[in-house]
């Protein structure tokens, strides 16, 4: 996968997070001709099921199904995603290399500390990526010299839009994306993680059965689809106010 500019980059803590929350949107954008990518912060070494190697293979297959143009996993410790300057710089390097217009982050509240930390960490990295002098001052001397060396060669870039995938948050979405045509492939991309989701003894007390996972995913996508009058949808939150240029083009019928 090449590392030329992307239009949409999803950043998540773990391999399989994106498939659960915004995989349909990434596939929809790819079908529209956009170059999309996934940045996983960790490699899954703390997972109850599977291994780093199996998760890597499964992530590659899921990326193929979702037609993403680029996917990588950083070396931030699984189960210990912390908002440190070093971690921010690792993400800044990726943002400057890929120059995405839109970044999708997990919602900033959740059960797993890695998830909500990724939200803040990702946002701050997006901001820092636009600082012209980042990588050229003493402030980065305590960071990995390899990362700092690369930063010096990359021009600043700040994504135009940051949105938050809010599927597992009990909040009113700012908007939803119709993934009716992409739903089956989105489910297939999640089930590509066979080490995680096939029925097995390991972690049986923690993981629901595969049939139940499929049912839950369908129910949630149907709920958000119903809000907008479509069959299946993925929800998002944006912090800024939306702007409408033409009232006649606002989607979703009122009555």
Protein backbone atom coordinates (compact mmCIF):
# COMPACT_ATOMS: atom_id res chain seq x y z
CA UNK A 1 0.00 0.00 0.00
CA UNK A 2 1.39 3.38 -0.97
CA UNK A 3 1.64 6.33 1.39
CA UNK A 4 0.53 9.14 -0.91
CA UNK A 5 -2.15 11.58 0.22
CA UNK A 6 -5.41 10.23 1.60
CA UNK A 7 -8.79 11.87 1.74
CA UNK A 8 -10.08 9.99 4.81
CA UNK A 9 -7.98 8.49 7.62
CA UNK A 10 -9.53 6.53 10.49
CA UNK A 11 -7.43 6.34 13.65
CA UNK A 12 -8.24 3.70 16.27
CA UNK A 13 -6.61 2.05 19.26
CA UNK A 14 -6.84 -1.57 18.09
CA UNK A 15 -7.10 -3.65 14.97
CA UNK A 16 -10.84 -4.33 14.54
CA UNK A 17 -12.04 -1.08 16.17
CA UNK A 18 -12.51 0.65 12.83
CA UNK A 19 -14.35 -2.34 11.38
CA UNK A 20 -16.88 -2.06 14.20
CA UNK A 21 -17.46 1.70 14.15
CA UNK A 22 -16.80 3.24 10.74
CA UNK A 23 -15.89 0.45 8.32
CA UNK A 24 -19.01 0.98 6.24
CA UNK A 25 -18.20 4.65 5.82
CA UNK A 26 -14.65 3.90 4.68
CA UNK A 27 -15.96 1.42 2.11
CA UNK A 28 -18.58 3.89 0.91
CA UNK A 29 -15.94 6.58 0.46
CA UNK A 30 -13.68 4.15 -1.42
CA UNK A 31 -16.56 3.31 -3.76
CA UNK A 32 -16.92 7.04 -4.42
CA UNK A 33 -13.28 7.16 -5.49
CA UNK A 34 -11.70 8.48 -2.30
CA UNK A 35 -8.37 7.18 -1.02
CA UNK A 36 -8.89 5.96 2.52
CA UNK A 37 -6.65 4.63 5.26
CA UNK A 38 -6.56 3.11 8.75
CA UNK A 39 -4.02 3.82 11.47
CA UNK A 40 -4.13 1.34 14.36
CA UNK A 41 -2.16 2.62 17.34
CA UNK A 42 -1.36 -0.80 18.84
CA UNK A 43 -0.61 -4.29 17.57
CA UNK A 44 -2.91 -6.28 19.86
CA UNK A 45 -0.39 -7.98 22.11
CA UNK A 46 -2.76 -7.83 25.10
CA UNK A 47 -5.68 -9.51 23.37
CA UNK A 48 -7.29 -12.47 25.12
CA UNK A 49 -7.57 -14.25 21.80
CA UNK A 50 -5.17 -14.59 18.89
CA UNK A 51 -1.68 -13.15 18.54
CA UNK A 52 -0.01 -10.09 17.08
CA UNK A 53 0.77 -12.09 13.93
CA UNK A 54 -2.78 -13.37 13.46
CA UNK A 55 -4.24 -9.92 14.08
CA UNK A 56 -1.91 -8.46 11.46
CA UNK A 57 -3.03 -11.00 8.85
CA UNK A 58 -6.68 -10.45 9.72
CA UNK A 59 -6.29 -6.67 9.59
CA UNK A 60 -4.82 -6.94 6.10
CA UNK A 61 -7.78 -9.05 4.95
CA UNK A 62 -10.26 -6.61 6.53
CA UNK A 63 -8.50 -3.72 4.78
CA UNK A 64 -8.86 -5.55 1.46
CA UNK A 65 -12.59 -6.03 2.03
CA UNK A 66 -13.05 -2.34 2.92
CA UNK A 67 -10.93 -1.31 -0.10
CA UNK A 68 -8.67 0.95 1.97
CA UNK A 69 -5.56 2.26 0.22
CA UNK A 70 -3.28 2.26 3.27
CA UNK A 71 -3.10 0.59 6.68
CA UNK A 72 -0.43 0.51 9.37
CA UNK A 73 -0.13 -0.27 13.08
CA UNK A 74 2.10 1.75 15.38
CA UNK A 75 4.05 0.29 18.31
CA UNK A 76 2.16 2.04 21.12
CA UNK A 77 1.63 -0.58 23.90
CA UNK A 78 -1.73 -2.32 23.80
CA UNK A 79 -3.65 -1.65 27.00
CA UNK A 80 -1.41 1.33 27.70
CA UNK A 81 -2.37 3.93 25.11
CA UNK A 82 -1.32 7.10 26.89
CA UNK A 83 -1.48 10.69 25.73
CA UNK A 84 2.26 11.34 25.76
CA UNK A 85 4.27 13.69 23.58
CA UNK A 86 6.13 10.72 22.09
CA UNK A 87 2.87 9.06 21.03
CA UNK A 88 1.55 12.30 19.58
CA UNK A 89 4.70 12.68 17.47
CA UNK A 90 4.27 9.15 16.07
CA UNK A 91 0.78 10.08 14.86
CA UNK A 92 1.94 13.50 13.62
CA UNK A 93 4.44 11.77 11.36
CA UNK A 94 1.66 9.69 9.78
CA UNK A 95 -0.63 12.70 9.36
CA UNK A 96 2.11 14.69 7.65
CA UNK A 97 2.98 11.78 5.38
CA UNK A 98 -0.61 10.98 4.37
CA UNK A 99 -2.08 14.51 4.52
CA UNK A 100 -5.72 13.44 5.06
CA UNK A 101 -8.51 15.95 4.60
CA UNK A 102 -10.78 14.10 7.06
CA UNK A 103 -9.78 12.18 10.20
CA UNK A 104 -12.19 9.83 11.98
CA UNK A 105 -11.50 9.30 15.68
CA UNK A 106 -13.28 7.22 18.34
CA UNK A 107 -15.73 9.07 20.56
CA UNK A 108 -14.06 10.66 23.58
CA UNK A 109 -15.97 8.65 26.21
CA UNK A 110 -16.10 4.87 26.50
CA UNK A 111 -15.45 1.74 28.54
CA UNK A 112 -11.95 0.96 27.28
CA UNK A 113 -9.28 3.49 28.34
CA UNK A 114 -7.37 2.91 25.10
CA UNK A 115 -10.40 4.03 23.10
CA UNK A 116 -11.11 7.31 24.81
CA UNK A 117 -7.42 8.12 25.15
CA UNK A 118 -7.01 7.54 21.41
CA UNK A 119 -9.67 10.19 20.83
CA UNK A 120 -7.79 12.93 22.69
CA UNK A 121 -4.40 11.72 21.53
CA UNK A 122 -5.53 11.73 17.90
CA UNK A 123 -7.04 15.21 18.09
CA UNK A 124 -3.93 16.72 19.67
CA UNK A 125 -1.74 15.04 17.06
CA UNK A 126 -3.91 16.56 14.31
CA UNK A 127 -3.35 19.98 15.85
CA UNK A 128 0.40 19.54 16.32
CA UNK A 129 0.80 18.28 12.76
CA UNK A 130 0.00 21.77 11.53
CA UNK A 131 2.73 23.53 13.52
CA UNK A 132 5.41 24.70 11.10
CA UNK A 133 8.28 24.58 13.58
CA UNK A 134 7.47 21.17 15.02
CA UNK A 135 10.54 18.99 14.60
CA UNK A 136 12.88 21.95 14.28
CA UNK A 137 13.07 23.11 17.91
CA UNK A 138 14.44 21.78 21.19
CA UNK A 139 10.91 20.70 22.17
CA UNK A 140 11.28 17.48 20.19
CA UNK A 141 14.75 16.54 21.38
CA UNK A 142 13.36 14.07 23.92
CA UNK A 143 11.48 12.18 21.22
CA UNK A 144 12.75 9.30 19.11
CA UNK A 145 15.43 10.74 16.83
CA UNK A 146 14.12 8.75 13.85
CA UNK A 147 10.66 10.30 14.17
CA UNK A 148 12.15 13.78 14.62
CA UNK A 149 14.37 13.31 11.58
CA UNK A 150 11.35 12.40 9.43
CA UNK A 151 9.30 15.33 10.79
CA UNK A 152 11.96 17.76 9.61
CA UNK A 153 11.45 16.52 6.06
CA UNK A 154 7.66 16.68 6.08
CA UNK A 155 5.73 19.92 5.55
CA UNK A 156 3.05 20.76 8.14
CA UNK A 157 -0.47 19.55 7.55
CA UNK A 158 -3.64 19.89 9.58
CA UNK A 159 -6.78 17.92 8.58
CA UNK A 160 -9.72 20.09 7.57
CA UNK A 161 -12.26 17.96 9.42
CA UNK A 162 -12.14 15.76 12.52
CA UNK A 163 -15.24 13.67 13.26
CA UNK A 164 -15.93 11.11 15.97
CA UNK A 165 -17.40 7.65 15.41
CA UNK A 166 -20.02 7.44 18.15
CA UNK A 167 -21.58 4.00 17.57
CA UNK A 168 -21.01 2.82 21.14
CA UNK A 169 -21.79 6.15 22.83
CA UNK A 170 -25.26 6.97 24.05
CA UNK A 171 -25.30 10.39 22.38
CA UNK A 172 -27.31 12.08 19.66
CA UNK A 173 -25.24 11.92 16.46
CA UNK A 174 -24.53 15.09 14.51
CA UNK A 175 -25.07 13.07 11.35
CA UNK A 176 -25.17 9.49 10.11
CA UNK A 177 -23.76 7.89 6.98
CA UNK A 178 -26.01 5.56 4.98
CA UNK A 179 -24.16 2.23 4.74
CA UNK A 180 -27.07 0.12 3.51
CA UNK A 181 -25.16 -1.03 0.44
CA UNK A 182 -21.95 -1.51 2.45
CA UNK A 183 -23.36 -3.28 5.50
CA UNK A 184 -22.72 -6.87 4.45
CA UNK A 185 -19.09 -6.14 3.51
CA UNK A 186 -18.61 -4.21 6.75
CA UNK A 187 -19.78 -7.25 8.73
CA UNK A 188 -17.52 -9.45 6.61
CA UNK A 189 -14.54 -7.22 7.41
CA UNK A 190 -15.15 -7.65 11.14
CA UNK A 191 -15.53 -11.40 10.80
CA UNK A 192 -12.18 -11.48 9.01
CA UNK A 193 -10.81 -11.42 12.57
CA UNK A 194 -11.45 -15.13 13.00
CA UNK A 195 -9.09 -15.40 15.95
CA UNK A 196 -11.29 -12.90 17.78
CA UNK A 197 -14.85 -13.65 16.72
CA UNK A 198 -15.17 -17.31 15.81
CA UNK A 199 -16.78 -19.35 18.58
CA UNK A 200 -14.07 -20.84 20.80
CA UNK A 201 -13.30 -21.74 24.41
CA UNK A 202 -10.71 -19.00 24.99
CA UNK A 203 -12.47 -15.93 26.32
CA UNK A 204 -15.91 -17.54 26.06
CA UNK A 205 -16.96 -15.78 29.27
CA UNK A 206 -15.96 -12.39 27.78
CA UNK A 207 -17.00 -12.62 24.13
CA UNK A 208 -20.56 -13.20 22.88
CA UNK A 209 -21.18 -15.91 20.30
CA UNK A 210 -20.58 -15.00 16.66
CA UNK A 211 -24.29 -15.11 15.81
CA UNK A 212 -25.02 -12.68 18.64
CA UNK A 213 -22.28 -10.31 17.47
CA UNK A 214 -23.81 -10.22 13.99
CA UNK A 215 -27.26 -9.61 15.48
CA UNK A 216 -26.01 -6.77 17.67
CA UNK A 217 -24.19 -5.07 14.81
CA UNK A 218 -27.25 -5.34 12.60
CA UNK A 219 -29.53 -3.95 15.30
CA UNK A 220 -27.30 -0.96 15.99
CA UNK A 221 -26.85 -0.13 12.32
CA UNK A 222 -30.60 -0.46 11.79
CA UNK A 223 -31.34 1.86 14.70
CA UNK A 224 -29.15 4.64 13.34
CA UNK A 225 -30.48 3.99 9.85
CA UNK A 226 -34.04 4.41 11.12
CA UNK A 227 -33.16 7.87 12.47
CA UNK A 228 -32.38 9.01 8.94
CA UNK A 229 -34.91 6.93 7.00
CA UNK A 230 -32.47 4.37 5.58
CA UNK A 231 -31.88 0.70 6.38
CA UNK A 232 -28.39 0.85 7.92
CA UNK A 233 -26.20 3.75 9.04
CA UNK A 234 -23.13 4.66 11.09
CA UNK A 235 -23.32 7.63 13.52
CA UNK A 236 -20.85 10.48 13.96
CA UNK A 237 -20.42 13.51 16.18
CA UNK A 238 -18.72 16.75 15.19
CA UNK A 239 -17.90 19.46 17.71
CA UNK A 240 -18.39 22.41 15.39
CA UNK A 241 -21.67 23.78 14.01
CA UNK A 242 -22.65 22.57 10.55
CA UNK A 243 -23.04 25.00 7.65
CA UNK A 244 -25.79 24.85 5.01
CA UNK A 245 -25.49 26.72 1.72
CA UNK A 246 -28.75 25.60 0.12
CA UNK A 247 -31.82 24.70 2.19
CA UNK A 248 -33.21 22.70 -0.71
CA UNK A 249 -30.35 20.22 -0.51
CA UNK A 250 -30.59 19.29 3.17
CA UNK A 251 -31.06 15.49 3.27
CA UNK A 252 -33.51 13.43 5.41
CA UNK A 253 -37.20 14.17 5.14
CA UNK A 254 -38.86 15.90 8.10
CA UNK A 255 -42.45 14.72 7.65
